[in-house]
Amino acid sequence: MIIGSRWQALSEKERARITAMLRDSGGHPGRLGPRERKELRKLAGKLDLAGMSRELLALVRSQVARRKPRR
């Protein structure tokens, strides 16, 4: 849900562009040209990856806190 809501916040054109760039580079942004890397960073900024990581970390911590102790 956390990742999906941020992904859906991008326009269809932006989502398609990110997908195409990562597919063309084989998942390695370093294989992109300087202009494409700059564009990818701009689009990734719209995803607010730092905020997403904070939300995911809070979710993991709550799961660990609920875990029963081993016997």
Protein backbone atom coordinates (compact mmCIF):
# COMPACT_ATOMS: atom_id res chain seq x y z
CA MET A 1 0.00 0.00 0.00
CA ILE A 2 2.76 2.43 0.90
CA ILE A 3 4.64 1.93 -2.34
CA GLY A 4 1.51 1.68 -4.47
CA SER A 5 0.06 4.97 -3.28
CA ARG A 6 3.27 6.83 -4.09
CA TRP A 7 3.54 5.13 -7.49
CA GLN A 8 -0.07 6.04 -8.32
CA ALA A 9 0.65 9.67 -7.38
CA LEU A 10 2.82 9.91 -10.51
CA SER A 11 1.16 10.53 -13.83
CA GLU A 12 0.79 7.66 -16.29
CA LYS A 13 3.42 9.28 -18.50
CA GLU A 14 5.90 9.53 -15.61
CA ARG A 15 5.35 5.91 -14.57
CA ALA A 16 5.86 4.74 -18.15
CA ARG A 17 9.06 6.80 -18.46
CA ILE A 18 10.57 5.40 -15.23
CA THR A 19 9.69 1.87 -16.32
CA ALA A 20 11.19 2.36 -19.78
CA MET A 21 14.43 3.87 -18.45
CA LEU A 22 14.96 1.09 -15.92
CA ARG A 23 14.09 -1.58 -18.46
CA ASP A 24 16.52 -0.12 -21.03
CA SER A 25 19.31 0.11 -18.45
CA GLY A 26 18.73 -3.41 -17.14
CA GLY A 27 17.93 -1.98 -13.72
CA HIS A 28 21.28 -0.15 -13.50
CA PRO A 29 20.78 3.63 -13.57
CA GLY A 30 24.54 4.04 -14.09
CA ARG A 31 24.08 2.69 -17.61
CA LEU A 32 21.90 5.67 -18.50
CA GLY A 33 23.24 8.84 -20.05
CA PRO A 34 23.71 11.94 -17.91
CA ARG A 35 20.46 13.53 -19.11
CA GLU A 36 18.46 10.36 -18.43
CA ARG A 37 20.01 9.95 -14.96
CA LYS A 38 19.03 13.52 -14.14
CA GLU A 39 15.48 12.84 -15.33
CA LEU A 40 15.32 9.63 -13.29
CA ARG A 41 16.51 11.46 -10.15
CA LYS A 42 13.81 14.09 -10.69
CA LEU A 43 11.10 11.46 -11.04
CA ALA A 44 12.41 9.48 -8.06
CA GLY A 45 12.24 12.69 -6.03
CA LYS A 46 8.53 12.85 -6.72
CA LEU A 47 8.18 9.39 -5.15
CA ASP A 48 9.59 10.74 -1.84
CA LEU A 49 11.70 7.65 -1.23
CA ALA A 50 12.95 8.94 2.13
CA GLY A 51 9.38 9.32 3.39
CA MET A 52 8.50 5.88 2.09
CA SER A 53 11.47 4.33 3.91
CA ARG A 54 10.37 5.97 7.18
CA GLU A 55 6.87 4.54 6.77
CA LEU A 56 8.20 1.07 5.95
CA LEU A 57 10.62 1.16 8.90
CA ALA A 58 7.79 2.05 11.27
CA LEU A 59 5.76 -0.85 9.88
CA VAL A 60 8.64 -3.31 10.38
CA ARG A 61 9.26 -2.07 13.90
CA SER A 62 5.61 -2.55 14.82
CA GLN A 63 5.72 -6.11 13.49
CA VAL A 64 8.85 -6.90 15.50
CA ALA A 65 7.26 -5.49 18.66
CA ARG A 66 4.24 -7.79 18.23
CA ARG A 67 6.33 -10.92 17.71
CA LYS A 68 6.04 -13.49 20.49
CA PRO A 69 9.26 -14.38 22.29
CA ARG A 70 10.83 -17.72 21.39
CA ARG A 71 10.87 -20.51 23.93
